[in-house]
Amino acid sequence: MKCLYCDCQDTRVIDSRETGTMDAIRRRRQCIACGKRFTTYERAEAPSVLVTKRDGRVEDFDRDKLEAGLLKACQKRPIPRAALEALIEGIEETAREAGDGGPLATSRIGELVLEGLKKLDEVAYLRFASVYREFGDADAFRKEAAELLARKTGERAGRPEVPANPRAGT
């Protein structure tokens, strides 16, 4: 493994352990030449999954592209990194399973992302939806937000309302 700092090819592994999701091995390395330390991750390469783009092109599924889109939608939001990793893993697994029958439409991946974000964070959901569904103006954004609010209000309709301050009624 090449050193990130001095490009020396001679490094040694100081520590190895599995990641929390058990899908990779985290290795701490030290450069023999400059002595600096850095971290690498080793993952098993999954079989290639093909996706069909909106314009009909077929490409390999790109986990990094999915992660970048999610990180952009979740920027400055209080979403744990582990929750995003779990969402990415779930979408990747679904893509792998569906990929056995041929290419998976990117529209299906987009809908999976939206379903996951809706459960995690409404603001991130709206951010992603605005790009994915190509909102042309503020009215499209407003309509999506209203639908999200209506679903949320409908879910609460079946449950008794709890006052914000229980002592306020006494």
N, C-alpha and C. Protein backbone atom coordinates (compact mmCIF):
# COMPACT_ATOMS: atom_id res chain seq x y z
N MET A 1 0.86 -1.18 0.00
CA MET A 1 0.00 0.00 0.00
C MET A 1 0.90 1.23 0.00
N LYS A 2 0.61 2.16 -0.88
CA LYS A 2 1.40 3.37 -1.03
C LYS A 2 1.04 4.36 0.08
N CYS A 3 2.04 5.01 0.66
CA CYS A 3 1.85 6.01 1.70
C CYS A 3 1.14 7.24 1.11
N LEU A 4 0.17 7.75 1.84
CA LEU A 4 -0.58 8.92 1.40
C LEU A 4 0.25 10.20 1.45
N TYR A 5 1.30 10.19 2.26
CA TYR A 5 2.07 11.41 2.50
C TYR A 5 3.33 11.52 1.64
N CYS A 6 4.06 10.39 1.48
CA CYS A 6 5.33 10.47 0.76
C CYS A 6 5.40 9.54 -0.45
N ASP A 7 4.31 8.83 -0.74
CA ASP A 7 4.23 7.91 -1.89
C ASP A 7 5.17 6.71 -1.82
N CYS A 8 5.74 6.46 -0.67
CA CYS A 8 6.59 5.30 -0.49
C CYS A 8 5.73 4.03 -0.58
N GLN A 9 6.25 2.99 -1.22
CA GLN A 9 5.51 1.74 -1.39
C GLN A 9 5.62 0.83 -0.17
N ASP A 10 6.45 1.19 0.79
CA ASP A 10 6.72 0.30 1.92
C ASP A 10 5.99 0.77 3.18
N THR A 11 4.87 0.12 3.49
CA THR A 11 4.12 0.43 4.70
C THR A 11 3.87 -0.87 5.46
N ARG A 12 3.56 -0.73 6.74
CA ARG A 12 3.24 -1.93 7.52
C ARG A 12 1.92 -1.74 8.25
N VAL A 13 1.24 -2.85 8.49
CA VAL A 13 -0.04 -2.82 9.18
C VAL A 13 0.22 -2.84 10.67
N ILE A 14 -0.33 -1.85 11.39
CA ILE A 14 -0.17 -1.75 12.84
C ILE A 14 -1.34 -2.42 13.55
N ASP A 15 -2.54 -2.23 13.00
CA ASP A 15 -3.75 -2.75 13.64
C ASP A 15 -4.78 -3.10 12.57
N SER A 16 -5.52 -4.19 12.76
CA SER A 16 -6.61 -4.58 11.87
C SER A 16 -7.82 -4.93 12.70
N ARG A 17 -8.98 -4.47 12.27
CA ARG A 17 -10.23 -4.85 12.93
C ARG A 17 -11.38 -4.69 11.97
N GLU A 18 -12.46 -5.42 12.24
CA GLU A 18 -13.65 -5.32 11.40
C GLU A 18 -14.39 -4.04 11.72
N THR A 19 -15.08 -3.50 10.73
CA THR A 19 -15.90 -2.32 10.96
C THR A 19 -17.15 -2.73 11.72
N GLY A 20 -17.89 -1.76 12.23
CA GLY A 20 -19.10 -2.04 12.99
C GLY A 20 -20.15 -2.79 12.20
N THR A 21 -20.19 -2.57 10.88
CA THR A 21 -21.17 -3.26 10.05
C THR A 21 -20.67 -4.61 9.57
N MET A 22 -19.45 -4.96 9.92
CA MET A 22 -18.84 -6.25 9.60
C MET A 22 -18.71 -6.48 8.09
N ASP A 23 -18.68 -5.41 7.31
CA ASP A 23 -18.58 -5.57 5.85
C ASP A 23 -17.21 -5.15 5.32
N ALA A 24 -16.33 -4.75 6.21
CA ALA A 24 -15.01 -4.31 5.78
C ALA A 24 -14.01 -4.51 6.92
N ILE A 25 -12.75 -4.45 6.56
CA ILE A 25 -11.69 -4.52 7.57
C ILE A 25 -10.97 -3.18 7.54
N ARG A 26 -10.84 -2.59 8.72
CA ARG A 26 -10.15 -1.31 8.88
C ARG A 26 -8.71 -1.61 9.28
N ARG A 27 -7.77 -1.06 8.55
CA ARG A 27 -6.36 -1.29 8.85
C ARG A 27 -5.65 0.04 9.11
N ARG A 28 -4.95 0.11 10.24
CA ARG A 28 -4.08 1.26 10.52
C ARG A 28 -2.71 0.88 9.99
N ARG A 29 -2.14 1.75 9.19
CA ARG A 29 -0.85 1.50 8.58
C ARG A 29 0.15 2.59 8.96
N GLN A 30 1.42 2.22 8.91
CA GLN A 30 2.48 3.19 9.17
C GLN A 30 3.50 3.08 8.05
N CYS A 31 3.92 4.23 7.55
CA CYS A 31 4.92 4.28 6.49
C CYS A 31 6.30 4.01 7.08
N ILE A 32 7.05 3.17 6.44
CA ILE A 32 8.41 2.86 6.90
C ILE A 32 9.33 4.06 6.68
N ALA A 33 9.13 4.81 5.59
CA ALA A 33 10.01 5.92 5.24
C ALA A 33 9.78 7.16 6.10
N CYS A 34 8.51 7.64 6.17
CA CYS A 34 8.26 8.91 6.88
C CYS A 34 7.66 8.72 8.27
N GLY A 35 7.19 7.52 8.58
CA GLY A 35 6.67 7.24 9.91
C GLY A 35 5.22 7.68 10.14
N LYS A 36 4.60 8.33 9.17
CA LYS A 36 3.21 8.78 9.35
C LYS A 36 2.26 7.60 9.27
N ARG A 37 1.11 7.78 9.94
CA ARG A 37 0.09 6.73 9.99
C ARG A 37 -1.16 7.14 9.20
N PHE A 38 -1.84 6.15 8.66
CA PHE A 38 -3.10 6.39 7.93
C PHE A 38 -3.95 5.13 8.00
N THR A 39 -5.22 5.29 7.63
CA THR A 39 -6.17 4.20 7.70
C THR A 39 -6.62 3.79 6.31
N THR A 40 -6.74 2.48 6.10
CA THR A 40 -7.30 1.96 4.86
C THR A 40 -8.43 1.01 5.21
N TYR A 41 -9.32 0.79 4.24
CA TYR A 41 -10.44 -0.14 4.41
C TYR A 41 -10.39 -1.17 3.30
N GLU A 42 -10.62 -2.40 3.66
CA GLU A 42 -10.64 -3.49 2.70
C GLU A 42 -12.04 -4.08 2.67
N ARG A 43 -12.64 -4.11 1.48
CA ARG A 43 -13.98 -4.68 1.29
C ARG A 43 -13.91 -5.77 0.23
N ALA A 44 -14.77 -6.77 0.40
CA ALA A 44 -14.90 -7.79 -0.64
C ALA A 44 -15.62 -7.15 -1.82
N GLU A 45 -15.17 -7.44 -3.00
CA GLU A 45 -15.80 -6.88 -4.18
C GLU A 45 -17.04 -7.68 -4.51
N ALA A 46 -18.16 -7.01 -4.50
CA ALA A 46 -19.43 -7.67 -4.80
C ALA A 46 -19.57 -7.83 -6.31
N PRO A 47 -20.39 -8.81 -6.71
CA PRO A 47 -20.61 -8.96 -8.16
C PRO A 47 -21.21 -7.69 -8.74
N SER A 48 -20.85 -7.40 -9.96
CA SER A 48 -21.30 -6.18 -10.62
C SER A 48 -22.82 -6.18 -10.78
N VAL A 49 -23.42 -5.03 -10.46
CA VAL A 49 -24.86 -4.84 -10.63
C VAL A 49 -25.04 -3.76 -11.68
N LEU A 50 -25.91 -4.02 -12.63
CA LEU A 50 -26.15 -3.06 -13.70
C LEU A 50 -27.42 -2.27 -13.42
N VAL A 51 -27.39 -0.99 -13.80
CA VAL A 51 -28.56 -0.13 -13.66
C VAL A 51 -28.85 0.52 -15.01
N THR A 52 -30.13 0.74 -15.25
CA THR A 52 -30.56 1.40 -16.48
C THR A 52 -30.90 2.84 -16.14
N LYS A 53 -30.22 3.77 -16.80
CA LYS A 53 -30.44 5.19 -16.57
C LYS A 53 -31.71 5.64 -17.28
N ARG A 54 -32.17 6.85 -16.97
CA ARG A 54 -33.39 7.39 -17.58
C ARG A 54 -33.30 7.46 -19.10
N ASP A 55 -32.10 7.73 -19.61
CA ASP A 55 -31.95 7.85 -21.06
C ASP A 55 -31.71 6.51 -21.76
N GLY A 56 -31.77 5.41 -20.99
CA GLY A 56 -31.64 4.08 -21.58
C GLY A 56 -30.24 3.48 -21.50
N ARG A 57 -29.25 4.29 -21.13
CA ARG A 57 -27.89 3.75 -20.98
C ARG A 57 -27.85 2.76 -19.82
N VAL A 58 -26.99 1.76 -19.93
CA VAL A 58 -26.79 0.78 -18.86
C VAL A 58 -25.39 0.99 -18.30
N GLU A 59 -25.30 1.13 -16.96
CA GLU A 59 -24.02 1.36 -16.29
C GLU A 59 -23.92 0.44 -15.09
N ASP A 60 -22.72 0.35 -14.53
CA ASP A 60 -22.52 -0.37 -13.27
C ASP A 60 -23.11 0.45 -12.13
N PHE A 61 -23.68 -0.24 -11.14
CA PHE A 61 -24.16 0.42 -9.93
C PHE A 61 -22.95 1.05 -9.24
N ASP A 62 -23.08 2.30 -8.82
CA ASP A 62 -21.98 3.03 -8.21
C ASP A 62 -22.33 3.44 -6.79
N ARG A 63 -21.82 2.68 -5.83
CA ARG A 63 -22.09 2.94 -4.42
C ARG A 63 -21.62 4.34 -4.02
N ASP A 64 -20.47 4.75 -4.53
CA ASP A 64 -19.91 6.06 -4.18
C ASP A 64 -20.82 7.19 -4.66
N LYS A 65 -21.41 7.02 -5.82
CA LYS A 65 -22.32 8.03 -6.36
C LYS A 65 -23.58 8.13 -5.48
N LEU A 66 -24.09 6.98 -5.07
CA LEU A 66 -25.25 6.95 -4.17
C LEU A 66 -24.92 7.64 -2.85
N GLU A 67 -23.76 7.31 -2.29
CA GLU A 67 -23.33 7.90 -1.02
C GLU A 67 -23.16 9.41 -1.15
N ALA A 68 -22.58 9.87 -2.24
CA ALA A 68 -22.37 11.31 -2.44
C ALA A 68 -23.71 12.04 -2.50
N GLY A 69 -24.68 11.47 -3.19
CA GLY A 69 -26.00 12.09 -3.26
C GLY A 69 -26.68 12.17 -1.91
N LEU A 70 -26.56 11.09 -1.14
CA LEU A 70 -27.15 11.07 0.20
C LEU A 70 -26.46 12.06 1.12
N LEU A 71 -25.14 12.12 1.06
CA LEU A 71 -24.41 13.05 1.92
C LEU A 71 -24.77 14.50 1.59
N LYS A 72 -24.97 14.79 0.32
CA LYS A 72 -25.35 16.14 -0.08
C LYS A 72 -26.74 16.48 0.46
N ALA A 73 -27.68 15.53 0.36
CA ALA A 73 -29.04 15.76 0.86
C ALA A 73 -29.06 15.89 2.39
N CYS A 74 -28.15 15.21 3.05
CA CYS A 74 -28.14 15.19 4.52
C CYS A 74 -27.17 16.18 5.14
N GLN A 75 -26.57 17.01 4.31
CA GLN A 75 -25.57 17.97 4.79
C GLN A 75 -26.16 18.85 5.90
N LYS A 76 -25.43 18.95 7.00
CA LYS A 76 -25.79 19.76 8.16
C LYS A 76 -27.11 19.33 8.82
N ARG A 77 -27.46 18.05 8.67
CA ARG A 77 -28.64 17.49 9.31
C ARG A 77 -28.19 16.54 10.41
N PRO A 78 -28.96 16.39 11.48
CA PRO A 78 -28.56 15.53 12.60
C PRO A 78 -28.85 14.05 12.33
N ILE A 79 -28.24 13.52 11.28
CA ILE A 79 -28.46 12.12 10.89
C ILE A 79 -27.18 11.35 11.19
N PRO A 80 -27.27 10.31 12.02
CA PRO A 80 -26.07 9.53 12.33
C PRO A 80 -25.49 8.86 11.08
N ARG A 81 -24.19 8.85 10.99
CA ARG A 81 -23.52 8.23 9.84
C ARG A 81 -23.91 6.75 9.72
N ALA A 82 -24.10 6.10 10.86
CA ALA A 82 -24.48 4.68 10.85
C ALA A 82 -25.84 4.48 10.18
N ALA A 83 -26.76 5.42 10.36
CA ALA A 83 -28.08 5.32 9.73
C ALA A 83 -27.95 5.45 8.21
N LEU A 84 -27.09 6.35 7.76
CA LEU A 84 -26.86 6.50 6.32
C LEU A 84 -26.21 5.25 5.74
N GLU A 85 -25.23 4.70 6.46
CA GLU A 85 -24.57 3.47 6.02
C GLU A 85 -25.58 2.34 5.89
N ALA A 86 -26.48 2.23 6.87
CA ALA A 86 -27.49 1.18 6.84
C ALA A 86 -28.41 1.37 5.63
N LEU A 87 -28.78 2.60 5.33
CA LEU A 87 -29.63 2.89 4.19
C LEU A 87 -28.91 2.51 2.89
N ILE A 88 -27.66 2.88 2.78
CA ILE A 88 -26.87 2.56 1.58
C ILE A 88 -26.74 1.05 1.43
N GLU A 89 -26.44 0.36 2.53
CA GLU A 89 -26.32 -1.10 2.50
C GLU A 89 -27.62 -1.75 2.04
N GLY A 90 -28.75 -1.27 2.56
CA GLY A 90 -30.05 -1.83 2.18
C GLY A 90 -30.34 -1.63 0.71
N ILE A 91 -30.05 -0.45 0.19
CA ILE A 91 -30.29 -0.16 -1.22
C ILE A 91 -29.36 -1.00 -2.09
N GLU A 92 -28.11 -1.11 -1.66
CA GLU A 92 -27.14 -1.91 -2.42
C GLU A 92 -27.56 -3.38 -2.44
N GLU A 93 -28.05 -3.89 -1.32
CA GLU A 93 -28.52 -5.28 -1.26
C GLU A 93 -29.73 -5.49 -2.16
N THR A 94 -30.66 -4.55 -2.14
CA THR A 94 -31.83 -4.64 -3.02
C THR A 94 -31.39 -4.63 -4.48
N ALA A 95 -30.44 -3.77 -4.81
CA ALA A 95 -29.94 -3.69 -6.18
C ALA A 95 -29.27 -5.01 -6.58
N ARG A 96 -28.51 -5.60 -5.66
CA ARG A 96 -27.84 -6.87 -5.94
C ARG A 96 -28.86 -7.98 -6.19
N GLU A 97 -29.90 -8.02 -5.34
CA GLU A 97 -30.94 -9.05 -5.49
C GLU A 97 -31.70 -8.86 -6.80
N ALA A 98 -32.05 -7.62 -7.11
CA ALA A 98 -32.79 -7.34 -8.34
C ALA A 98 -31.91 -7.51 -9.56
N GLY A 99 -30.62 -7.33 -9.40
CA GLY A 99 -29.68 -7.42 -10.51
C GLY A 99 -29.56 -8.81 -11.09
N ASP A 100 -30.00 -9.83 -10.35
CA ASP A 100 -29.95 -11.20 -10.88
C ASP A 100 -30.87 -11.36 -12.08
N GLY A 101 -31.92 -10.56 -12.14
CA GLY A 101 -32.87 -10.64 -13.25
C GLY A 101 -32.58 -9.64 -14.35
N GLY A 102 -31.44 -9.01 -14.32
CA GLY A 102 -31.10 -8.00 -15.33
C GLY A 102 -30.89 -6.65 -14.70
N PRO A 103 -30.69 -5.62 -15.50
CA PRO A 103 -30.44 -4.29 -14.96
C PRO A 103 -31.61 -3.74 -14.15
N LEU A 104 -31.29 -2.98 -13.13
CA LEU A 104 -32.28 -2.34 -12.28
C LEU A 104 -32.43 -0.89 -12.72
N ALA A 105 -33.66 -0.41 -12.81
CA ALA A 105 -33.90 0.97 -13.22
C ALA A 105 -33.44 1.93 -12.12
N THR A 106 -32.77 3.00 -12.51
CA THR A 106 -32.33 3.98 -11.52
C THR A 106 -33.52 4.63 -10.84
N SER A 107 -34.68 4.63 -11.49
CA SER A 107 -35.88 5.19 -10.86
C SER A 107 -36.24 4.38 -9.61
N ARG A 108 -36.01 3.07 -9.65
CA ARG A 108 -36.28 2.22 -8.47
C ARG A 108 -35.30 2.57 -7.35
N ILE A 109 -34.06 2.79 -7.69
CA ILE A 109 -33.06 3.17 -6.68
C ILE A 109 -33.45 4.51 -6.06
N GLY A 110 -33.87 5.47 -6.89
CA GLY A 110 -34.29 6.77 -6.39
C GLY A 110 -35.47 6.66 -5.44
N GLU A 111 -36.43 5.80 -5.76
CA GLU A 111 -37.58 5.61 -4.87
C GLU A 111 -37.16 4.97 -3.55
N LEU A 112 -36.21 4.04 -3.60
CA LEU A 112 -35.69 3.42 -2.36
C LEU A 112 -35.01 4.47 -1.48
N VAL A 113 -34.26 5.36 -2.11
CA VAL A 113 -33.59 6.44 -1.37
C VAL A 113 -34.64 7.33 -0.71
N LEU A 114 -35.67 7.70 -1.47
CA LEU A 114 -36.71 8.57 -0.93
C LEU A 114 -37.45 7.91 0.23
N GLU A 115 -37.76 6.61 0.10
CA GLU A 115 -38.42 5.89 1.19
C GLU A 115 -37.56 5.91 2.46
N GLY A 116 -36.26 5.67 2.27
CA GLY A 116 -35.35 5.65 3.42
C GLY A 116 -35.19 7.01 4.06
N LEU A 117 -35.04 8.04 3.23
CA LEU A 117 -34.86 9.40 3.76
C LEU A 117 -36.11 9.91 4.45
N LYS A 118 -37.27 9.51 3.96
CA LYS A 118 -38.53 9.94 4.58
C LYS A 118 -38.58 9.48 6.04
N LYS A 119 -38.03 8.30 6.31
CA LYS A 119 -38.00 7.77 7.68
C LYS A 119 -36.92 8.43 8.53
N LEU A 120 -35.83 8.85 7.88
CA LEU A 120 -34.70 9.42 8.62
C LEU A 120 -34.85 10.91 8.92
N ASP A 121 -35.19 11.70 7.87
CA ASP A 121 -35.18 13.14 8.04
C ASP A 121 -35.98 13.80 6.92
N GLU A 122 -36.99 14.56 7.29
CA GLU A 122 -37.87 15.18 6.30
C GLU A 122 -37.16 16.22 5.44
N VAL A 123 -36.25 16.96 6.02
CA VAL A 123 -35.53 17.99 5.26
C VAL A 123 -34.63 17.33 4.22
N ALA A 124 -33.92 16.29 4.62
CA ALA A 124 -33.07 15.56 3.67
C ALA A 124 -33.92 14.93 2.58
N TYR A 125 -35.09 14.43 2.96
CA TYR A 125 -36.02 13.87 1.97
C TYR A 125 -36.40 14.91 0.93
N LEU A 126 -36.79 16.10 1.39
CA LEU A 126 -37.19 17.16 0.47
C LEU A 126 -36.04 17.63 -0.41
N ARG A 127 -34.85 17.70 0.15
CA ARG A 127 -33.67 18.09 -0.63
C ARG A 127 -33.44 17.09 -1.77
N PHE A 128 -33.45 15.79 -1.40
CA PHE A 128 -33.19 14.76 -2.40
C PHE A 128 -34.31 14.75 -3.44
N ALA A 129 -35.56 14.84 -2.98
CA ALA A 129 -36.71 14.82 -3.88
C ALA A 129 -36.66 15.99 -4.86
N SER A 130 -36.21 17.15 -4.41
CA SER A 130 -36.18 18.33 -5.29
C SER A 130 -35.22 18.12 -6.46
N VAL A 131 -34.13 17.40 -6.23
CA VAL A 131 -33.18 17.12 -7.31
C VAL A 131 -33.66 15.92 -8.12
N TYR A 132 -34.03 14.85 -7.44
CA TYR A 132 -34.42 13.61 -8.11
C TYR A 132 -35.66 13.80 -8.99
N ARG A 133 -36.64 14.50 -8.47
CA ARG A 133 -37.88 14.71 -9.23
C ARG A 133 -37.85 15.98 -10.07
N GLU A 134 -36.69 16.62 -10.07
CA GLU A 134 -36.44 17.80 -10.91
C GLU A 134 -37.51 18.88 -10.74
N PHE A 135 -37.68 19.33 -9.49
CA PHE A 135 -38.63 20.40 -9.24
C PHE A 135 -38.26 21.61 -10.09
N GLY A 136 -39.23 22.15 -10.80
CA GLY A 136 -38.98 23.28 -11.68
C GLY A 136 -39.16 24.63 -11.00
N ASP A 137 -39.94 24.63 -9.90
CA ASP A 137 -40.20 25.90 -9.23
C ASP A 137 -40.58 25.65 -7.77
N ALA A 138 -40.83 26.74 -7.07
CA ALA A 138 -41.16 26.65 -5.64
C ALA A 138 -42.50 25.95 -5.41
N ASP A 139 -43.41 26.04 -6.38
CA ASP A 139 -44.71 25.38 -6.23
C ASP A 139 -44.57 23.87 -6.16
N ALA A 140 -43.67 23.30 -6.95
CA ALA A 140 -43.44 21.85 -6.90
C ALA A 140 -42.88 21.46 -5.54
N PHE A 141 -41.98 22.27 -5.03
CA PHE A 141 -41.39 22.02 -3.71
C PHE A 141 -42.48 22.13 -2.64
N ARG A 142 -43.29 23.16 -2.73
CA ARG A 142 -44.36 23.39 -1.77
C ARG A 142 -45.36 22.22 -1.78
N LYS A 143 -45.69 21.73 -2.97
CA LYS A 143 -46.64 20.62 -3.11
C LYS A 143 -46.09 19.36 -2.45
N GLU A 144 -44.82 19.06 -2.69
CA GLU A 144 -44.19 17.87 -2.08
C GLU A 144 -44.16 18.00 -0.57
N ALA A 145 -43.83 19.18 -0.07
CA ALA A 145 -43.80 19.42 1.38
C ALA A 145 -45.20 19.27 1.98
N ALA A 146 -46.23 19.75 1.27
CA ALA A 146 -47.61 19.63 1.74
C ALA A 146 -48.04 18.17 1.79
N GLU A 147 -47.65 17.38 0.77
CA GLU A 147 -47.98 15.96 0.76
C GLU A 147 -47.29 15.23 1.91
N LEU A 148 -46.04 15.59 2.17
CA LEU A 148 -45.30 14.99 3.27
C LEU A 148 -45.97 15.32 4.60
N LEU A 149 -46.36 16.56 4.76
CA LEU A 149 -47.04 17.00 5.98
C LEU A 149 -48.39 16.32 6.14
N ALA A 150 -49.12 16.17 5.04
CA ALA A 150 -50.43 15.51 5.09
C ALA A 150 -50.29 14.05 5.51
N ARG A 151 -49.29 13.36 4.97
CA ARG A 151 -49.05 11.95 5.36
C ARG A 151 -48.69 11.87 6.83
N LYS A 152 -47.85 12.80 7.26
CA LYS A 152 -47.41 12.81 8.66
C LYS A 152 -48.60 13.08 9.58
N THR A 153 -49.45 14.02 9.22
CA THR A 153 -50.64 14.35 10.01
C THR A 153 -51.61 13.16 10.01
N GLY A 154 -51.75 12.49 8.87
CA GLY A 154 -52.62 11.32 8.77
C GLY A 154 -52.15 10.18 9.64
N GLU A 155 -50.83 10.00 9.76
CA GLU A 155 -50.28 8.95 10.62
C GLU A 155 -50.57 9.25 12.08
N ARG A 156 -50.55 10.51 12.44
CA ARG A 156 -50.79 10.90 13.83
C ARG A 156 -52.27 10.86 14.19
N ALA A 157 -53.14 10.92 13.18
CA ALA A 157 -54.58 10.99 13.44
C ALA A 157 -55.08 9.78 14.22
N GLY A 158 -54.46 8.64 14.06
CA GLY A 158 -54.89 7.43 14.76
C GLY A 158 -54.44 7.37 16.21
N ARG A 159 -53.53 8.24 16.61
CA ARG A 159 -53.00 8.22 17.98
C ARG A 159 -53.54 9.40 18.78
N PRO A 160 -53.77 9.18 20.08
CA PRO A 160 -54.23 10.31 20.90
C PRO A 160 -53.11 11.35 21.02
N GLU A 161 -53.50 12.62 21.03
CA GLU A 161 -52.53 13.68 21.14
C GLU A 161 -52.06 13.84 22.57
N VAL A 162 -50.76 14.02 22.73
CA VAL A 162 -50.16 14.22 24.04
C VAL A 162 -49.81 15.69 24.13
N PRO A 163 -50.23 16.38 25.19
CA PRO A 163 -49.88 17.79 25.30
C PRO A 163 -48.37 17.97 25.38
N ALA A 164 -47.91 19.10 24.84
CA ALA A 164 -46.48 19.38 24.83
C ALA A 164 -45.94 19.48 26.26
N ASN A 165 -46.71 20.05 27.17
CA ASN A 165 -46.30 20.16 28.56
C ASN A 165 -47.37 19.51 29.41
N PRO A 166 -47.14 18.28 29.91
CA PRO A 166 -48.17 17.56 30.67
C PRO A 166 -48.62 18.31 31.92
N ARG A 167 -47.79 19.16 32.49
CA ARG A 167 -48.15 19.88 33.72
C ARG A 167 -49.04 21.09 33.42
N ALA A 168 -49.11 21.49 32.17
CA ALA A 168 -49.86 22.68 31.81
C ALA A 168 -51.34 22.53 32.12
N GLY A 169 -51.86 21.32 32.07
CA GLY A 169 -53.28 21.10 32.32
C GLY A 169 -53.62 21.05 33.79
N THR A 170 -52.66 21.03 34.68
CA THR A 170 -52.93 20.95 36.13
C THR A 170 -52.75 22.24 36.83
